[in-house]
Amino acid sequence: MASLALCVAAAIAEIAGCFTFWMWVRKGSSALWLVPGILCLVAFAWILTKIESDFAGRAYAAYGGVYIAASVVWLWLFEGRVPERPDLAGAGLAMAGAAIILASPR
């Protein structure tokens, strides 16, 4: 459960950090958006190292599924776009994969 919470926290930090760059480059927002963005991306990398795993690749794989689901939630909550069925199906499949990786006994 702790690994799942860390994956969620890492996803929020990464999406928020990347979104600030999106706002700057794609939406013409102030470059000041980059300051919290860089801090979020540093937090993302640090949080990712805290996921309980003997191998970085396994932690990144589990995180990837959570990232996909969190991105769909971001789409809805922060961009005001209701996820469509394929978005939800893909996020569900990704979370199933993440759950298999996180819950498998080692």
N, C-alpha and C. Protein backbone atom coordinates (compact mmCIF):
# COMPACT_ATOMS: atom_id res chain seq x y z
N MET A 1 0.82 -1.19 0.00
CA MET A 1 0.00 0.00 0.00
C MET A 1 0.86 1.26 0.00
N ALA A 2 1.98 1.21 0.72
CA ALA A 2 2.87 2.37 0.75
C ALA A 2 3.43 2.65 -0.64
N SER A 3 3.76 1.59 -1.38
CA SER A 3 4.29 1.79 -2.73
C SER A 3 3.25 2.42 -3.64
N LEU A 4 1.99 2.03 -3.49
CA LEU A 4 0.93 2.64 -4.30
C LEU A 4 0.79 4.12 -3.98
N ALA A 5 0.83 4.45 -2.70
CA ALA A 5 0.73 5.86 -2.29
C ALA A 5 1.90 6.67 -2.85
N LEU A 6 3.09 6.09 -2.83
CA LEU A 6 4.26 6.78 -3.38
C LEU A 6 4.12 6.95 -4.89
N CYS A 7 3.59 5.94 -5.57
CA CYS A 7 3.37 6.05 -7.01
C CYS A 7 2.38 7.18 -7.31
N VAL A 8 1.32 7.28 -6.53
CA VAL A 8 0.34 8.35 -6.73
C VAL A 8 0.99 9.72 -6.50
N ALA A 9 1.77 9.84 -5.42
CA ALA A 9 2.45 11.11 -5.13
C ALA A 9 3.43 11.47 -6.24
N ALA A 10 4.18 10.47 -6.73
CA ALA A 10 5.13 10.72 -7.82
C ALA A 10 4.39 11.16 -9.08
N ALA A 11 3.27 10.52 -9.36
CA ALA A 11 2.50 10.87 -10.56
C ALA A 11 1.99 12.31 -10.48
N ILE A 12 1.48 12.69 -9.33
CA ILE A 12 0.99 14.06 -9.17
C ILE A 12 2.13 15.05 -9.38
N ALA A 13 3.27 14.76 -8.79
CA ALA A 13 4.42 15.66 -8.92
C ALA A 13 4.90 15.75 -10.37
N GLU A 14 4.97 14.60 -11.06
CA GLU A 14 5.45 14.63 -12.44
C GLU A 14 4.46 15.33 -13.36
N ILE A 15 3.19 15.00 -13.22
CA ILE A 15 2.20 15.62 -14.09
C ILE A 15 2.16 17.13 -13.85
N ALA A 16 2.18 17.54 -12.60
CA ALA A 16 2.17 18.97 -12.29
C ALA A 16 3.40 19.66 -12.88
N GLY A 17 4.56 19.03 -12.73
CA GLY A 17 5.78 19.61 -13.28
C GLY A 17 5.75 19.72 -14.78
N CYS A 18 5.31 18.67 -15.45
CA CYS A 18 5.24 18.71 -16.91
C CYS A 18 4.16 19.68 -17.38
N PHE A 19 3.08 19.78 -16.63
CA PHE A 19 2.00 20.70 -17.01
C PHE A 19 2.48 22.15 -17.01
N THR A 20 3.37 22.49 -16.09
CA THR A 20 3.88 23.86 -16.08
C THR A 20 4.64 24.17 -17.37
N PHE A 21 5.40 23.20 -17.87
CA PHE A 21 6.10 23.38 -19.14
C PHE A 21 5.10 23.47 -20.29
N TRP A 22 4.05 22.65 -20.23
CA TRP A 22 2.99 22.70 -21.24
C TRP A 22 2.37 24.10 -21.28
N MET A 23 2.07 24.62 -20.09
CA MET A 23 1.46 25.95 -20.02
C MET A 23 2.39 27.01 -20.59
N TRP A 24 3.66 26.91 -20.32
CA TRP A 24 4.63 27.89 -20.80
C TRP A 24 4.81 27.79 -22.32
N VAL A 25 5.04 26.59 -22.81
CA VAL A 25 5.35 26.42 -24.24
C VAL A 25 4.10 26.46 -25.10
N ARG A 26 3.07 25.72 -24.70
CA ARG A 26 1.90 25.56 -25.57
C ARG A 26 0.83 26.63 -25.36
N LYS A 27 0.76 27.20 -24.18
CA LYS A 27 -0.30 28.17 -23.89
C LYS A 27 0.22 29.59 -23.73
N GLY A 28 1.55 29.78 -23.83
CA GLY A 28 2.12 31.12 -23.77
C GLY A 28 2.11 31.75 -22.39
N SER A 29 2.03 30.93 -21.36
CA SER A 29 2.06 31.46 -19.99
C SER A 29 3.46 31.95 -19.64
N SER A 30 3.56 32.66 -18.55
CA SER A 30 4.82 33.21 -18.08
C SER A 30 5.85 32.11 -17.81
N ALA A 31 7.11 32.42 -18.06
CA ALA A 31 8.20 31.49 -17.75
C ALA A 31 8.31 31.24 -16.25
N LEU A 32 7.66 32.08 -15.46
CA LEU A 32 7.66 31.84 -14.00
C LEU A 32 6.98 30.53 -13.64
N TRP A 33 6.15 30.00 -14.52
CA TRP A 33 5.54 28.69 -14.31
C TRP A 33 6.62 27.61 -14.16
N LEU A 34 7.80 27.85 -14.72
CA LEU A 34 8.85 26.84 -14.69
C LEU A 34 9.44 26.63 -13.30
N VAL A 35 9.38 27.63 -12.45
CA VAL A 35 9.95 27.50 -11.10
C VAL A 35 9.24 26.39 -10.32
N PRO A 36 7.92 26.45 -10.14
CA PRO A 36 7.28 25.34 -9.44
C PRO A 36 7.36 24.05 -10.24
N GLY A 37 7.41 24.16 -11.56
CA GLY A 37 7.52 22.98 -12.40
C GLY A 37 8.79 22.21 -12.14
N ILE A 38 9.90 22.90 -12.07
CA ILE A 38 11.18 22.24 -11.80
C ILE A 38 11.18 21.63 -10.40
N LEU A 39 10.62 22.34 -9.44
CA LEU A 39 10.53 21.80 -8.08
C LEU A 39 9.67 20.53 -8.05
N CYS A 40 8.58 20.54 -8.79
CA CYS A 40 7.73 19.35 -8.86
C CYS A 40 8.47 18.17 -9.49
N LEU A 41 9.24 18.44 -10.54
CA LEU A 41 9.97 17.36 -11.20
C LEU A 41 11.09 16.80 -10.32
N VAL A 42 11.72 17.65 -9.53
CA VAL A 42 12.72 17.16 -8.57
C VAL A 42 12.03 16.31 -7.52
N ALA A 43 10.88 16.76 -7.02
CA ALA A 43 10.12 15.98 -6.04
C ALA A 43 9.71 14.64 -6.63
N PHE A 44 9.27 14.64 -7.87
CA PHE A 44 8.90 13.40 -8.55
C PHE A 44 10.05 12.39 -8.53
N ALA A 45 11.22 12.83 -8.95
CA ALA A 45 12.37 11.92 -9.00
C ALA A 45 12.73 11.40 -7.62
N TRP A 46 12.67 12.26 -6.63
CA TRP A 46 13.00 11.85 -5.26
C TRP A 46 11.96 10.84 -4.74
N ILE A 47 10.68 11.12 -4.96
CA ILE A 47 9.63 10.21 -4.50
C ILE A 47 9.77 8.85 -5.16
N LEU A 48 10.09 8.84 -6.44
CA LEU A 48 10.21 7.58 -7.17
C LEU A 48 11.28 6.68 -6.57
N THR A 49 12.33 7.26 -5.99
CA THR A 49 13.38 6.44 -5.37
C THR A 49 12.91 5.80 -4.07
N LYS A 50 11.80 6.24 -3.53
CA LYS A 50 11.30 5.71 -2.26
C LYS A 50 10.37 4.51 -2.44
N ILE A 51 10.01 4.18 -3.68
CA ILE A 51 9.15 3.02 -3.93
C ILE A 51 9.92 1.76 -3.57
N GLU A 52 9.29 0.89 -2.80
CA GLU A 52 9.92 -0.33 -2.33
C GLU A 52 10.11 -1.30 -3.50
N SER A 53 11.35 -1.42 -3.95
CA SER A 53 11.68 -2.32 -5.04
C SER A 53 13.19 -2.52 -5.06
N ASP A 54 13.60 -3.74 -5.39
CA ASP A 54 15.03 -4.01 -5.49
C ASP A 54 15.62 -3.49 -6.80
N PHE A 55 14.75 -3.19 -7.76
CA PHE A 55 15.22 -2.77 -9.07
C PHE A 55 14.46 -1.54 -9.54
N ALA A 56 15.19 -0.58 -10.07
CA ALA A 56 14.57 0.66 -10.54
C ALA A 56 13.56 0.39 -11.65
N GLY A 57 13.89 -0.48 -12.57
CA GLY A 57 12.99 -0.77 -13.68
C GLY A 57 11.64 -1.28 -13.23
N ARG A 58 11.62 -2.10 -12.19
CA ARG A 58 10.35 -2.62 -11.66
C ARG A 58 9.55 -1.49 -11.02
N ALA A 59 10.21 -0.62 -10.28
CA ALA A 59 9.52 0.51 -9.66
C ALA A 59 8.96 1.42 -10.75
N TYR A 60 9.73 1.67 -11.81
CA TYR A 60 9.27 2.54 -12.89
C TYR A 60 8.10 1.91 -13.63
N ALA A 61 8.13 0.59 -13.82
CA ALA A 61 7.04 -0.10 -14.52
C ALA A 61 5.74 0.01 -13.73
N ALA A 62 5.81 -0.23 -12.43
CA ALA A 62 4.61 -0.11 -11.59
C ALA A 62 4.12 1.33 -11.59
N TYR A 63 5.04 2.25 -11.47
CA TYR A 63 4.69 3.67 -11.47
C TYR A 63 4.00 4.07 -12.78
N GLY A 64 4.46 3.51 -13.88
CA GLY A 64 3.90 3.87 -15.18
C GLY A 64 2.40 3.66 -15.27
N GLY A 65 1.92 2.57 -14.70
CA GLY A 65 0.49 2.32 -14.71
C GLY A 65 -0.27 3.35 -13.91
N VAL A 66 0.27 3.69 -12.76
CA VAL A 66 -0.36 4.70 -11.92
C VAL A 66 -0.32 6.06 -12.62
N TYR A 67 0.78 6.35 -13.30
CA TYR A 67 0.90 7.62 -14.04
C TYR A 67 -0.20 7.75 -15.08
N ILE A 68 -0.47 6.68 -15.80
CA ILE A 68 -1.51 6.73 -16.83
C ILE A 68 -2.86 7.06 -16.21
N ALA A 69 -3.21 6.37 -15.13
CA ALA A 69 -4.49 6.61 -14.47
C ALA A 69 -4.54 8.04 -13.91
N ALA A 70 -3.46 8.48 -13.30
CA ALA A 70 -3.42 9.83 -12.73
C ALA A 70 -3.54 10.89 -13.82
N SER A 71 -2.99 10.62 -14.99
CA SER A 71 -3.10 11.57 -16.10
C SER A 71 -4.55 11.73 -16.56
N VAL A 72 -5.30 10.64 -16.54
CA VAL A 72 -6.72 10.71 -16.91
C VAL A 72 -7.49 11.51 -15.86
N VAL A 73 -7.16 11.32 -14.59
CA VAL A 73 -7.79 12.11 -13.53
C VAL A 73 -7.42 13.59 -13.70
N TRP A 74 -6.17 13.89 -14.01
CA TRP A 74 -5.72 15.27 -14.25
C TRP A 74 -6.53 15.90 -15.39
N LEU A 75 -6.68 15.14 -16.47
CA LEU A 75 -7.46 15.60 -17.62
C LEU A 75 -8.83 16.09 -17.17
N TRP A 76 -9.45 15.35 -16.28
CA TRP A 76 -10.79 15.67 -15.81
C TRP A 76 -10.79 16.83 -14.81
N LEU A 77 -9.94 16.74 -13.77
CA LEU A 77 -9.98 17.72 -12.69
C LEU A 77 -9.36 19.07 -13.04
N PHE A 78 -8.27 19.06 -13.78
CA PHE A 78 -7.53 20.30 -14.02
C PHE A 78 -7.72 20.88 -15.42
N GLU A 79 -8.08 20.02 -16.37
CA GLU A 79 -8.27 20.52 -17.73
C GLU A 79 -9.74 20.57 -18.13
N GLY A 80 -10.61 20.08 -17.25
CA GLY A 80 -12.04 20.17 -17.47
C GLY A 80 -12.58 19.29 -18.58
N ARG A 81 -11.84 18.29 -18.97
CA ARG A 81 -12.27 17.38 -20.04
C ARG A 81 -12.68 16.05 -19.42
N VAL A 82 -13.92 15.66 -19.60
CA VAL A 82 -14.41 14.40 -19.05
C VAL A 82 -13.75 13.24 -19.81
N PRO A 83 -13.14 12.29 -19.07
CA PRO A 83 -12.52 11.15 -19.75
C PRO A 83 -13.56 10.34 -20.53
N GLU A 84 -13.14 9.84 -21.65
CA GLU A 84 -14.00 9.01 -22.49
C GLU A 84 -13.76 7.54 -22.16
N ARG A 85 -14.59 6.68 -22.67
CA ARG A 85 -14.47 5.24 -22.37
C ARG A 85 -13.08 4.69 -22.66
N PRO A 86 -12.48 5.01 -23.81
CA PRO A 86 -11.13 4.48 -24.05
C PRO A 86 -10.11 4.98 -23.02
N ASP A 87 -10.27 6.23 -22.57
CA ASP A 87 -9.38 6.76 -21.53
C ASP A 87 -9.50 5.92 -20.27
N LEU A 88 -10.74 5.65 -19.86
CA LEU A 88 -10.99 4.89 -18.64
C LEU A 88 -10.56 3.43 -18.79
N ALA A 89 -10.80 2.85 -19.95
CA ALA A 89 -10.38 1.47 -20.18
C ALA A 89 -8.86 1.34 -20.14
N GLY A 90 -8.19 2.26 -20.80
CA GLY A 90 -6.73 2.23 -20.79
C GLY A 90 -6.16 2.43 -19.40
N ALA A 91 -6.75 3.36 -18.66
CA ALA A 91 -6.28 3.60 -17.29
C ALA A 91 -6.52 2.37 -16.42
N GLY A 92 -7.66 1.73 -16.60
CA GLY A 92 -7.95 0.51 -15.83
C GLY A 92 -6.97 -0.60 -16.14
N LEU A 93 -6.67 -0.79 -17.41
CA LEU A 93 -5.69 -1.82 -17.79
C LEU A 93 -4.30 -1.49 -17.23
N ALA A 94 -3.94 -0.23 -17.29
CA ALA A 94 -2.63 0.18 -16.77
C ALA A 94 -2.55 -0.06 -15.26
N MET A 95 -3.64 0.26 -14.55
CA MET A 95 -3.65 0.04 -13.09
C MET A 95 -3.61 -1.45 -12.76
N ALA A 96 -4.26 -2.27 -13.58
CA ALA A 96 -4.19 -3.71 -13.36
C ALA A 96 -2.74 -4.20 -13.49
N GLY A 97 -2.05 -3.69 -14.50
CA GLY A 97 -0.64 -4.06 -14.66
C GLY A 97 0.21 -3.58 -13.50
N ALA A 98 -0.03 -2.36 -13.05
CA ALA A 98 0.72 -1.83 -11.91
C ALA A 98 0.45 -2.66 -10.66
N ALA A 99 -0.81 -3.06 -10.46
CA ALA A 99 -1.16 -3.87 -9.29
C ALA A 99 -0.47 -5.22 -9.32
N ILE A 100 -0.38 -5.83 -10.50
CA ILE A 100 0.31 -7.11 -10.61
C ILE A 100 1.78 -6.95 -10.23
N ILE A 101 2.40 -5.91 -10.74
CA ILE A 101 3.81 -5.68 -10.45
C ILE A 101 4.03 -5.38 -8.97
N LEU A 102 3.19 -4.52 -8.39
CA LEU A 102 3.37 -4.12 -6.99
C LEU A 102 3.04 -5.25 -6.01
N ALA A 103 2.03 -6.07 -6.34
CA ALA A 103 1.55 -7.08 -5.39
C ALA A 103 2.25 -8.42 -5.52
N SER A 104 3.01 -8.62 -6.57
CA SER A 104 3.66 -9.93 -6.76
C SER A 104 4.68 -10.20 -5.67
N PRO A 105 4.62 -11.40 -5.10
CA PRO A 105 5.62 -11.73 -4.07
C PRO A 105 7.00 -11.88 -4.70
N ARG A 106 7.99 -11.46 -3.99
CA ARG A 106 9.37 -11.54 -4.48
C ARG A 106 10.15 -12.46 -3.58
